[in-house]
Amino acid sequence: MDRLSDEYQSTVSDDSTDNDLVRYPNTIEDPSTGARITFLERGTDEQGVYLLMDGALPPGTDSGPARLHPRAETRSEVTAGRADVTVRGESHTLLPGESLTIAPGEAHSIRNGGTDTLVVRTTLRPPGEFEAAIRALYEAGAGGRPGLFAVAAVLSHHRADVRLAGIPWWLQRPLLSALAGIATVLGRNPLT
């Protein structure tokens, strides 16, 4: 599927994902950091297809490197703890009950800036295959010492739903593609 263009991937229906057989709610955890995501529901409402999830970060941890969602809008509300969120290089502190909406393509990251567990409820619209991407990244150990080839394979495959920020796409795309190919040859591609 890596041979498909981004344009083709962006036209694939959000109703047809690998998540069709997943039951909700369900939780994945990164044992290296203690971070976890509970996928609460995937559905369709008057605004379209969405994915609702709760992310929990222990004190002093973050959600990984800055990233962006090329096609999806993200609305995140803090339900417990203190979130230090960076969007487009601007820092924001969110406390329980406060929320932030991140437009498609905007670089963002989140860190637990408090002493208690941070819980953030996020709605992603449209979700594409974001859930499958995060599951694969967690399996690759992305929070601890990730396998470079495995992470590159996941990001290359799910490029329509999640990308690293800070590296221009014109450079990131061929690098991820090359590393994904090496991952496959070495047997380190978690998607094969």
N, C-alpha and C. Protein backbone atom coordinates (compact mmCIF):
# COMPACT_ATOMS: atom_id res chain seq x y z
N MET A 1 0.82 -1.19 0.00
CA MET A 1 0.00 0.00 0.00
C MET A 1 0.86 1.25 0.00
N ASP A 2 2.16 1.16 0.38
CA ASP A 2 3.03 2.31 0.38
C ASP A 2 3.18 2.90 -1.01
N ARG A 3 2.93 2.13 -2.06
CA ARG A 3 3.07 2.62 -3.42
C ARG A 3 1.93 3.54 -3.81
N LEU A 4 0.86 3.56 -3.04
CA LEU A 4 -0.27 4.43 -3.36
C LEU A 4 0.11 5.88 -3.12
N SER A 5 -0.40 6.74 -3.93
CA SER A 5 -0.13 8.17 -3.74
C SER A 5 -0.91 8.69 -2.55
N ASP A 6 -0.45 9.81 -2.01
CA ASP A 6 -1.17 10.44 -0.91
C ASP A 6 -2.56 10.84 -1.35
N GLU A 7 -2.68 11.25 -2.60
CA GLU A 7 -3.98 11.68 -3.10
C GLU A 7 -4.97 10.53 -3.10
N TYR A 8 -4.52 9.34 -3.51
CA TYR A 8 -5.41 8.19 -3.51
C TYR A 8 -5.80 7.86 -2.07
N GLN A 9 -4.81 7.81 -1.18
CA GLN A 9 -5.12 7.48 0.21
C GLN A 9 -6.10 8.46 0.81
N SER A 10 -6.01 9.73 0.42
CA SER A 10 -6.91 10.71 1.02
C SER A 10 -8.35 10.57 0.51
N THR A 11 -8.56 9.79 -0.55
CA THR A 11 -9.92 9.60 -1.03
C THR A 11 -10.54 8.31 -0.54
N VAL A 12 -9.76 7.48 0.17
CA VAL A 12 -10.30 6.23 0.71
C VAL A 12 -11.33 6.57 1.77
N SER A 13 -12.44 5.89 1.78
CA SER A 13 -13.53 6.17 2.72
C SER A 13 -13.08 5.95 4.15
N ASP A 14 -13.47 6.86 5.03
CA ASP A 14 -13.16 6.69 6.44
C ASP A 14 -13.99 5.60 7.09
N ASP A 15 -14.97 5.08 6.38
CA ASP A 15 -15.77 4.00 6.94
C ASP A 15 -15.10 2.64 6.74
N SER A 16 -14.11 2.55 5.86
CA SER A 16 -13.47 1.27 5.57
C SER A 16 -12.07 1.25 6.15
N THR A 17 -11.94 0.78 7.39
CA THR A 17 -10.64 0.70 8.04
C THR A 17 -10.43 -0.68 8.61
N ASP A 18 -9.22 -0.89 9.08
CA ASP A 18 -8.91 -2.16 9.75
C ASP A 18 -9.58 -2.24 11.11
N ASN A 19 -10.21 -1.15 11.55
CA ASN A 19 -10.80 -1.10 12.89
C ASN A 19 -12.24 -1.58 12.92
N ASP A 20 -12.76 -2.05 11.78
CA ASP A 20 -14.18 -2.42 11.72
C ASP A 20 -14.56 -3.50 12.72
N LEU A 21 -13.63 -4.38 13.09
CA LEU A 21 -13.95 -5.47 14.01
C LEU A 21 -13.54 -5.17 15.45
N VAL A 22 -13.01 -3.99 15.71
CA VAL A 22 -12.58 -3.62 17.05
C VAL A 22 -13.80 -3.28 17.90
N ARG A 23 -13.78 -3.76 19.12
CA ARG A 23 -14.86 -3.45 20.06
C ARG A 23 -14.43 -2.29 20.96
N TYR A 24 -15.38 -1.45 21.30
CA TYR A 24 -15.10 -0.27 22.12
C TYR A 24 -15.83 -0.38 23.44
N PRO A 25 -15.29 0.17 24.50
CA PRO A 25 -13.97 0.77 24.60
C PRO A 25 -12.87 -0.30 24.68
N ASN A 26 -11.65 0.09 24.31
CA ASN A 26 -10.49 -0.77 24.45
C ASN A 26 -9.27 0.10 24.68
N THR A 27 -8.29 -0.45 25.39
CA THR A 27 -7.14 0.33 25.82
C THR A 27 -5.84 -0.30 25.34
N ILE A 28 -4.91 0.56 24.92
CA ILE A 28 -3.54 0.12 24.64
C ILE A 28 -2.63 0.88 25.58
N GLU A 29 -1.51 0.26 25.95
CA GLU A 29 -0.60 0.88 26.89
C GLU A 29 0.83 0.74 26.40
N ASP A 30 1.61 1.77 26.66
CA ASP A 30 3.03 1.75 26.38
C ASP A 30 3.73 1.44 27.70
N PRO A 31 4.20 0.20 27.88
CA PRO A 31 4.79 -0.17 29.17
C PRO A 31 6.06 0.62 29.51
N SER A 32 6.75 1.15 28.51
CA SER A 32 7.98 1.89 28.77
C SER A 32 7.72 3.25 29.42
N THR A 33 6.55 3.84 29.18
CA THR A 33 6.25 5.16 29.73
C THR A 33 5.04 5.15 30.67
N GLY A 34 4.20 4.13 30.57
CA GLY A 34 2.96 4.10 31.33
C GLY A 34 1.83 4.86 30.66
N ALA A 35 2.11 5.46 29.50
CA ALA A 35 1.06 6.17 28.75
C ALA A 35 0.06 5.15 28.22
N ARG A 36 -1.18 5.56 28.13
CA ARG A 36 -2.20 4.66 27.58
C ARG A 36 -3.26 5.46 26.85
N ILE A 37 -3.87 4.80 25.89
CA ILE A 37 -4.98 5.40 25.16
C ILE A 37 -6.15 4.44 25.23
N THR A 38 -7.30 4.95 25.63
CA THR A 38 -8.53 4.18 25.61
C THR A 38 -9.36 4.70 24.46
N PHE A 39 -9.56 3.86 23.46
CA PHE A 39 -10.42 4.20 22.33
C PHE A 39 -11.85 3.95 22.78
N LEU A 40 -12.63 5.01 22.91
CA LEU A 40 -13.97 4.93 23.47
C LEU A 40 -15.02 4.55 22.44
N GLU A 41 -14.97 5.18 21.27
CA GLU A 41 -15.93 4.86 20.23
C GLU A 41 -15.49 5.44 18.90
N ARG A 42 -15.95 4.81 17.87
CA ARG A 42 -15.79 5.29 16.50
C ARG A 42 -17.19 5.31 15.92
N GLY A 43 -17.58 6.44 15.36
CA GLY A 43 -18.94 6.52 14.86
C GLY A 43 -19.11 7.62 13.84
N THR A 44 -20.35 7.86 13.53
CA THR A 44 -20.71 8.91 12.59
C THR A 44 -21.84 9.72 13.20
N ASP A 45 -21.72 11.03 13.13
CA ASP A 45 -22.80 11.91 13.57
C ASP A 45 -23.03 12.97 12.49
N GLU A 46 -23.75 14.03 12.83
CA GLU A 46 -24.08 15.05 11.84
C GLU A 46 -22.84 15.75 11.26
N GLN A 47 -21.70 15.65 11.95
CA GLN A 47 -20.46 16.26 11.46
C GLN A 47 -19.57 15.28 10.71
N GLY A 48 -19.97 14.02 10.63
CA GLY A 48 -19.19 13.03 9.90
C GLY A 48 -18.60 11.96 10.81
N VAL A 49 -17.60 11.26 10.28
CA VAL A 49 -16.96 10.16 11.00
C VAL A 49 -16.01 10.73 12.05
N TYR A 50 -15.99 10.10 13.23
CA TYR A 50 -15.11 10.56 14.31
C TYR A 50 -14.56 9.37 15.08
N LEU A 51 -13.49 9.62 15.82
CA LEU A 51 -12.91 8.68 16.78
C LEU A 51 -12.78 9.42 18.09
N LEU A 52 -13.35 8.85 19.17
CA LEU A 52 -13.29 9.45 20.49
C LEU A 52 -12.36 8.61 21.35
N MET A 53 -11.41 9.26 22.01
CA MET A 53 -10.44 8.52 22.82
C MET A 53 -10.00 9.34 24.02
N ASP A 54 -9.57 8.64 25.06
CA ASP A 54 -8.96 9.25 26.24
C ASP A 54 -7.50 8.86 26.26
N GLY A 55 -6.62 9.84 26.32
CA GLY A 55 -5.19 9.59 26.46
C GLY A 55 -4.77 9.92 27.87
N ALA A 56 -3.99 9.04 28.50
CA ALA A 56 -3.50 9.26 29.86
C ALA A 56 -1.98 9.26 29.86
N LEU A 57 -1.41 10.32 30.42
CA LEU A 57 0.04 10.45 30.51
C LEU A 57 0.45 10.61 31.96
N PRO A 58 1.36 9.77 32.46
CA PRO A 58 1.87 9.95 33.81
C PRO A 58 2.66 11.26 33.92
N PRO A 59 2.88 11.76 35.13
CA PRO A 59 3.65 12.99 35.30
C PRO A 59 5.01 12.90 34.60
N GLY A 60 5.38 14.02 33.95
CA GLY A 60 6.69 14.10 33.31
C GLY A 60 6.81 13.43 31.95
N THR A 61 5.72 12.88 31.43
CA THR A 61 5.79 12.22 30.11
C THR A 61 5.09 13.07 29.07
N ASP A 62 5.39 12.74 27.81
CA ASP A 62 4.75 13.46 26.72
C ASP A 62 4.18 12.46 25.73
N SER A 63 3.52 12.99 24.72
CA SER A 63 2.85 12.13 23.74
C SER A 63 3.75 11.79 22.56
N GLY A 64 5.03 12.04 22.69
CA GLY A 64 5.96 11.74 21.61
C GLY A 64 6.31 13.00 20.84
N PRO A 65 7.05 12.83 19.76
CA PRO A 65 7.48 14.01 19.00
C PRO A 65 6.30 14.75 18.39
N ALA A 66 6.53 16.02 18.11
CA ALA A 66 5.48 16.84 17.48
C ALA A 66 5.04 16.17 16.18
N ARG A 67 3.74 16.21 15.94
CA ARG A 67 3.16 15.54 14.79
C ARG A 67 2.03 16.39 14.23
N LEU A 68 1.50 15.93 13.11
CA LEU A 68 0.35 16.60 12.53
C LEU A 68 -0.53 15.55 11.85
N HIS A 69 -1.77 15.93 11.68
CA HIS A 69 -2.75 15.09 10.99
C HIS A 69 -3.12 15.84 9.72
N PRO A 70 -2.67 15.36 8.55
CA PRO A 70 -2.89 16.11 7.32
C PRO A 70 -4.35 16.40 6.98
N ARG A 71 -5.26 15.48 7.37
CA ARG A 71 -6.67 15.62 6.96
C ARG A 71 -7.62 15.82 8.12
N ALA A 72 -7.17 15.62 9.34
CA ALA A 72 -8.10 15.56 10.47
C ALA A 72 -7.98 16.76 11.40
N GLU A 73 -9.14 17.17 11.91
CA GLU A 73 -9.20 18.17 12.97
C GLU A 73 -9.22 17.42 14.30
N THR A 74 -8.52 17.97 15.27
CA THR A 74 -8.44 17.36 16.60
C THR A 74 -9.00 18.34 17.62
N ARG A 75 -9.92 17.84 18.45
CA ARG A 75 -10.42 18.65 19.56
C ARG A 75 -10.09 17.90 20.84
N SER A 76 -9.28 18.52 21.70
CA SER A 76 -8.83 17.87 22.93
C SER A 76 -9.28 18.68 24.14
N GLU A 77 -9.84 17.96 25.12
CA GLU A 77 -10.28 18.58 26.37
C GLU A 77 -9.62 17.86 27.53
N VAL A 78 -9.02 18.62 28.43
CA VAL A 78 -8.40 18.04 29.62
C VAL A 78 -9.51 17.66 30.60
N THR A 79 -9.50 16.39 31.04
CA THR A 79 -10.48 15.96 32.04
C THR A 79 -9.84 15.78 33.41
N ALA A 80 -8.49 15.65 33.46
CA ALA A 80 -7.77 15.55 34.73
C ALA A 80 -6.32 15.95 34.49
N GLY A 81 -5.74 16.65 35.45
CA GLY A 81 -4.34 17.01 35.35
C GLY A 81 -4.11 18.34 34.66
N ARG A 82 -2.86 18.54 34.27
CA ARG A 82 -2.44 19.78 33.60
C ARG A 82 -1.71 19.42 32.32
N ALA A 83 -2.15 19.99 31.20
CA ALA A 83 -1.54 19.71 29.90
C ALA A 83 -0.75 20.92 29.43
N ASP A 84 0.49 20.68 29.05
CA ASP A 84 1.28 21.70 28.36
C ASP A 84 1.24 21.30 26.89
N VAL A 85 0.51 22.08 26.09
CA VAL A 85 0.29 21.77 24.69
C VAL A 85 1.03 22.81 23.84
N THR A 86 1.70 22.33 22.81
CA THR A 86 2.35 23.23 21.86
C THR A 86 1.68 23.02 20.51
N VAL A 87 1.18 24.11 19.93
CA VAL A 87 0.54 24.08 18.61
C VAL A 87 1.20 25.18 17.78
N ARG A 88 1.76 24.78 16.63
CA ARG A 88 2.44 25.74 15.75
C ARG A 88 3.51 26.54 16.49
N GLY A 89 4.17 25.91 17.45
CA GLY A 89 5.22 26.59 18.19
C GLY A 89 4.74 27.43 19.36
N GLU A 90 3.43 27.59 19.53
CA GLU A 90 2.87 28.36 20.64
C GLU A 90 2.51 27.43 21.79
N SER A 91 2.91 27.80 23.00
CA SER A 91 2.62 27.00 24.19
C SER A 91 1.30 27.40 24.82
N HIS A 92 0.55 26.41 25.27
CA HIS A 92 -0.73 26.61 25.96
C HIS A 92 -0.75 25.68 27.17
N THR A 93 -1.28 26.16 28.27
CA THR A 93 -1.52 25.32 29.44
C THR A 93 -3.01 25.12 29.57
N LEU A 94 -3.43 23.87 29.62
CA LEU A 94 -4.85 23.56 29.75
C LEU A 94 -5.08 22.82 31.07
N LEU A 95 -6.11 23.23 31.77
CA LEU A 95 -6.53 22.61 33.03
C LEU A 95 -7.85 21.90 32.80
N PRO A 96 -8.31 21.10 33.77
CA PRO A 96 -9.57 20.38 33.58
C PRO A 96 -10.72 21.29 33.13
N GLY A 97 -11.44 20.83 32.10
CA GLY A 97 -12.55 21.58 31.54
C GLY A 97 -12.15 22.48 30.38
N GLU A 98 -10.86 22.69 30.18
CA GLU A 98 -10.40 23.54 29.08
C GLU A 98 -10.07 22.68 27.87
N SER A 99 -10.30 23.27 26.68
CA SER A 99 -10.09 22.49 25.45
C SER A 99 -9.38 23.34 24.41
N LEU A 100 -8.94 22.64 23.36
CA LEU A 100 -8.22 23.27 22.27
C LEU A 100 -8.56 22.50 21.00
N THR A 101 -8.81 23.23 19.92
CA THR A 101 -9.06 22.60 18.63
C THR A 101 -7.86 22.85 17.73
N ILE A 102 -7.37 21.78 17.11
CA ILE A 102 -6.20 21.84 16.26
C ILE A 102 -6.64 21.53 14.84
N ALA A 103 -6.40 22.45 13.93
CA ALA A 103 -6.81 22.30 12.54
C ALA A 103 -5.94 21.26 11.82
N PRO A 104 -6.46 20.68 10.74
CA PRO A 104 -5.65 19.74 9.95
C PRO A 104 -4.32 20.39 9.53
N GLY A 105 -3.26 19.62 9.65
CA GLY A 105 -1.95 20.08 9.23
C GLY A 105 -1.17 20.90 10.23
N GLU A 106 -1.76 21.18 11.41
CA GLU A 106 -1.06 21.96 12.42
C GLU A 106 -0.21 21.06 13.31
N ALA A 107 1.07 21.40 13.42
CA ALA A 107 2.00 20.65 14.27
C ALA A 107 1.60 20.82 15.73
N HIS A 108 1.62 19.71 16.47
CA HIS A 108 1.26 19.79 17.88
C HIS A 108 1.94 18.70 18.70
N SER A 109 2.06 18.96 20.00
CA SER A 109 2.57 17.98 20.96
C SER A 109 1.94 18.30 22.31
N ILE A 110 1.97 17.31 23.21
CA ILE A 110 1.38 17.50 24.54
C ILE A 110 2.29 16.86 25.58
N ARG A 111 2.40 17.51 26.71
CA ARG A 111 3.22 17.01 27.81
C ARG A 111 2.43 17.17 29.11
N ASN A 112 2.60 16.21 30.00
CA ASN A 112 2.00 16.31 31.32
C ASN A 112 2.85 17.26 32.13
N GLY A 113 2.35 18.46 32.36
CA GLY A 113 3.09 19.47 33.09
C GLY A 113 2.76 19.50 34.57
N GLY A 114 2.02 18.53 35.04
CA GLY A 114 1.62 18.51 36.44
C GLY A 114 2.21 17.35 37.21
N THR A 115 1.69 17.16 38.42
CA THR A 115 2.17 16.08 39.30
C THR A 115 1.21 14.90 39.35
N ASP A 116 0.04 15.05 38.71
CA ASP A 116 -0.94 13.97 38.66
C ASP A 116 -1.03 13.44 37.23
N THR A 117 -1.67 12.30 37.08
CA THR A 117 -1.87 11.77 35.73
C THR A 117 -2.74 12.72 34.92
N LEU A 118 -2.30 12.98 33.69
CA LEU A 118 -3.04 13.84 32.77
C LEU A 118 -3.96 12.96 31.94
N VAL A 119 -5.22 13.34 31.85
CA VAL A 119 -6.18 12.65 30.99
C VAL A 119 -6.77 13.67 30.03
N VAL A 120 -6.67 13.36 28.75
CA VAL A 120 -7.17 14.24 27.70
C VAL A 120 -8.15 13.47 26.84
N ARG A 121 -9.36 13.99 26.71
CA ARG A 121 -10.37 13.39 25.83
C ARG A 121 -10.25 14.07 24.47
N THR A 122 -10.05 13.27 23.44
CA THR A 122 -9.81 13.81 22.10
C THR A 122 -10.80 13.23 21.11
N THR A 123 -11.29 14.10 20.25
CA THR A 123 -12.12 13.70 19.12
C THR A 123 -11.36 14.04 17.86
N LEU A 124 -11.18 13.05 17.01
CA LEU A 124 -10.46 13.21 15.75
C LEU A 124 -11.46 13.06 14.62
N ARG A 125 -11.52 14.07 13.71
CA ARG A 125 -12.48 14.08 12.61
C ARG A 125 -11.82 14.47 11.30
N PRO A 126 -11.88 13.69 10.27
CA PRO A 126 -12.17 12.27 10.20
C PRO A 126 -10.96 11.49 10.69
N PRO A 127 -11.16 10.34 11.30
CA PRO A 127 -10.04 9.62 11.90
C PRO A 127 -9.18 8.83 10.93
N GLY A 128 -9.70 8.53 9.74
CA GLY A 128 -8.91 7.70 8.83
C GLY A 128 -8.50 6.42 9.53
N GLU A 129 -7.24 6.07 9.42
CA GLU A 129 -6.70 4.86 10.07
C GLU A 129 -5.79 5.23 11.23
N PHE A 130 -6.08 6.36 11.89
CA PHE A 130 -5.25 6.82 13.00
C PHE A 130 -5.14 5.77 14.10
N GLU A 131 -6.25 5.13 14.43
CA GLU A 131 -6.23 4.12 15.50
C GLU A 131 -5.28 2.99 15.14
N ALA A 132 -5.32 2.51 13.91
CA ALA A 132 -4.42 1.43 13.48
C ALA A 132 -2.97 1.90 13.54
N ALA A 133 -2.71 3.15 13.18
CA ALA A 133 -1.35 3.69 13.22
C ALA A 133 -0.83 3.72 14.65
N ILE A 134 -1.64 4.20 15.58
CA ILE A 134 -1.21 4.28 16.98
C ILE A 134 -0.99 2.89 17.56
N ARG A 135 -1.87 1.96 17.25
CA ARG A 135 -1.68 0.59 17.72
C ARG A 135 -0.34 0.02 17.23
N ALA A 136 -0.04 0.24 15.96
CA ALA A 136 1.22 -0.27 15.40
C ALA A 136 2.42 0.43 16.03
N LEU A 137 2.32 1.73 16.28
CA LEU A 137 3.42 2.44 16.93
C LEU A 137 3.65 1.95 18.36
N TYR A 138 2.58 1.72 19.09
CA TYR A 138 2.72 1.20 20.45
C TYR A 138 3.38 -0.18 20.42
N GLU A 139 2.98 -1.01 19.47
CA GLU A 139 3.60 -2.33 19.34
C GLU A 139 5.07 -2.23 18.99
N ALA A 140 5.44 -1.20 18.25
CA ALA A 140 6.84 -1.00 17.86
C ALA A 140 7.67 -0.40 19.01
N GLY A 141 7.02 -0.07 20.11
CA GLY A 141 7.73 0.49 21.26
C GLY A 141 8.07 1.95 21.09
N ALA A 142 7.19 2.70 20.43
CA ALA A 142 7.49 4.08 20.08
C ALA A 142 7.70 4.99 21.28
N GLY A 143 7.21 4.63 22.46
CA GLY A 143 7.40 5.50 23.61
C GLY A 143 8.73 5.31 24.29
N GLY A 144 9.29 4.12 24.21
CA GLY A 144 10.57 3.86 24.86
C GLY A 144 11.70 4.00 23.88
N ARG A 145 12.33 2.89 23.54
CA ARG A 145 13.40 2.90 22.55
C ARG A 145 12.84 2.28 21.28
N PRO A 146 12.23 3.10 20.45
CA PRO A 146 11.56 2.56 19.27
C PRO A 146 12.55 2.02 18.24
N GLY A 147 12.10 1.02 17.52
CA GLY A 147 12.87 0.53 16.39
C GLY A 147 12.66 1.49 15.23
N LEU A 148 13.73 2.13 14.79
CA LEU A 148 13.65 3.13 13.74
C LEU A 148 12.96 2.59 12.50
N PHE A 149 13.31 1.39 12.07
CA PHE A 149 12.74 0.83 10.85
C PHE A 149 11.25 0.55 11.01
N ALA A 150 10.86 0.03 12.17
CA ALA A 150 9.45 -0.27 12.41
C ALA A 150 8.62 1.01 12.44
N VAL A 151 9.12 2.03 13.13
CA VAL A 151 8.40 3.30 13.21
C VAL A 151 8.28 3.93 11.82
N ALA A 152 9.37 3.89 11.05
CA ALA A 152 9.33 4.45 9.69
C ALA A 152 8.31 3.72 8.83
N ALA A 153 8.23 2.39 8.98
CA ALA A 153 7.26 1.61 8.19
C ALA A 153 5.83 2.02 8.54
N VAL A 154 5.55 2.20 9.82
CA VAL A 154 4.20 2.59 10.25
C VAL A 154 3.88 4.00 9.74
N LEU A 155 4.80 4.94 9.93
CA LEU A 155 4.54 6.31 9.50
C LEU A 155 4.42 6.42 7.98
N SER A 156 5.20 5.64 7.26
CA SER A 156 5.10 5.65 5.80
C SER A 156 3.74 5.13 5.35
N HIS A 157 3.32 4.02 5.95
CA HIS A 157 2.04 3.41 5.58
C HIS A 157 0.85 4.31 5.93
N HIS A 158 0.91 4.94 7.08
CA HIS A 158 -0.22 5.75 7.57
C HIS A 158 0.00 7.25 7.35
N ARG A 159 0.74 7.61 6.32
CA ARG A 159 1.10 9.00 6.05
C ARG A 159 -0.11 9.91 5.82
N ALA A 160 -1.24 9.37 5.43
CA ALA A 160 -2.43 10.20 5.23
C ALA A 160 -3.08 10.59 6.55
N ASP A 161 -2.67 9.92 7.65
CA ASP A 161 -3.33 10.16 8.94
C ASP A 161 -2.44 10.77 10.00
N VAL A 162 -1.12 10.52 9.94
CA VAL A 162 -0.21 11.08 10.94
C VAL A 162 1.18 11.22 10.32
N ARG A 163 1.80 12.37 10.60
CA ARG A 163 3.15 12.65 10.10
C ARG A 163 3.94 13.35 11.20
N LEU A 164 5.25 13.22 11.12
CA LEU A 164 6.11 13.97 12.02
C LEU A 164 6.12 15.43 11.61
N ALA A 165 6.17 16.31 12.59
CA ALA A 165 6.31 17.74 12.30
C ALA A 165 7.80 18.07 12.35
N GLY A 166 8.15 19.18 11.76
CA GLY A 166 9.54 19.63 11.85
C GLY A 166 10.42 19.16 10.71
N ILE A 167 10.02 18.11 10.01
CA ILE A 167 10.77 17.65 8.85
C ILE A 167 9.86 17.87 7.65
N PRO A 168 10.31 18.68 6.68
CA PRO A 168 9.44 18.94 5.52
C PRO A 168 9.00 17.64 4.85
N TRP A 169 7.74 17.62 4.41
CA TRP A 169 7.17 16.40 3.83
C TRP A 169 7.93 15.95 2.59
N TRP A 170 8.43 16.91 1.79
CA TRP A 170 9.16 16.55 0.58
C TRP A 170 10.42 15.76 0.91
N LEU A 171 10.97 15.95 2.12
CA LEU A 171 12.15 15.19 2.57
C LEU A 171 11.73 13.95 3.37
N GLN A 172 10.73 14.12 4.22
CA GLN A 172 10.26 13.03 5.09
C GLN A 172 9.74 11.84 4.29
N ARG A 173 8.97 12.12 3.26
CA ARG A 173 8.33 11.04 2.50
C ARG A 173 9.34 10.05 1.91
N PRO A 174 10.37 10.50 1.15
CA PRO A 174 11.30 9.52 0.60
C PRO A 174 12.14 8.81 1.68
N LEU A 175 12.46 9.52 2.77
CA LEU A 175 13.20 8.87 3.85
C LEU A 175 12.38 7.76 4.50
N LEU A 176 11.13 8.06 4.82
CA LEU A 176 10.27 7.05 5.43
C LEU A 176 10.07 5.87 4.49
N SER A 177 9.88 6.16 3.23
CA SER A 177 9.68 5.09 2.24
C SER A 177 10.90 4.18 2.16
N ALA A 178 12.10 4.78 2.12
CA ALA A 178 13.33 3.99 2.05
C ALA A 178 13.51 3.15 3.32
N LEU A 179 13.29 3.78 4.48
CA LEU A 179 13.43 3.04 5.74
C LEU A 179 12.38 1.94 5.88
N ALA A 180 11.17 2.20 5.38
CA ALA A 180 10.11 1.17 5.41
C ALA A 180 10.52 -0.02 4.54
N GLY A 181 11.13 0.25 3.39
CA GLY A 181 11.61 -0.83 2.54
C GLY A 181 12.67 -1.66 3.22
N ILE A 182 13.59 -0.99 3.91
CA ILE A 182 14.63 -1.71 4.66
C ILE A 182 14.00 -2.53 5.77
N ALA A 183 12.99 -1.96 6.45
CA ALA A 183 12.29 -2.69 7.52
C ALA A 183 11.70 -3.98 7.00
N THR A 184 11.10 -3.92 5.83
CA THR A 184 10.49 -5.11 5.25
C THR A 184 11.56 -6.15 4.93
N VAL A 185 12.65 -5.73 4.32
CA VAL A 185 13.74 -6.66 3.96
C VAL A 185 14.33 -7.31 5.22
N LEU A 186 14.47 -6.53 6.30
CA LEU A 186 15.04 -7.05 7.54
C LEU A 186 14.03 -7.80 8.41
N GLY A 187 12.76 -7.82 8.00
CA GLY A 187 11.74 -8.48 8.80
C GLY A 187 11.32 -7.68 10.02
N ARG A 188 11.48 -6.36 9.98
CA ARG A 188 11.13 -5.50 11.12
C ARG A 188 9.94 -4.61 10.83
N ASN A 189 9.20 -4.91 9.79
CA ASN A 189 8.02 -4.13 9.46
C ASN A 189 6.84 -4.73 10.20
N PRO A 190 6.29 -4.02 11.20
CA PRO A 190 5.18 -4.59 11.98
C PRO A 190 3.88 -4.73 11.20
N LEU A 191 3.83 -4.17 10.01
CA LEU A 191 2.60 -4.20 9.21
C LEU A 191 2.56 -5.37 8.22
N THR A 192 3.64 -6.15 8.15
CA THR A 192 3.65 -7.28 7.20
C THR A 192 3.59 -8.59 7.93
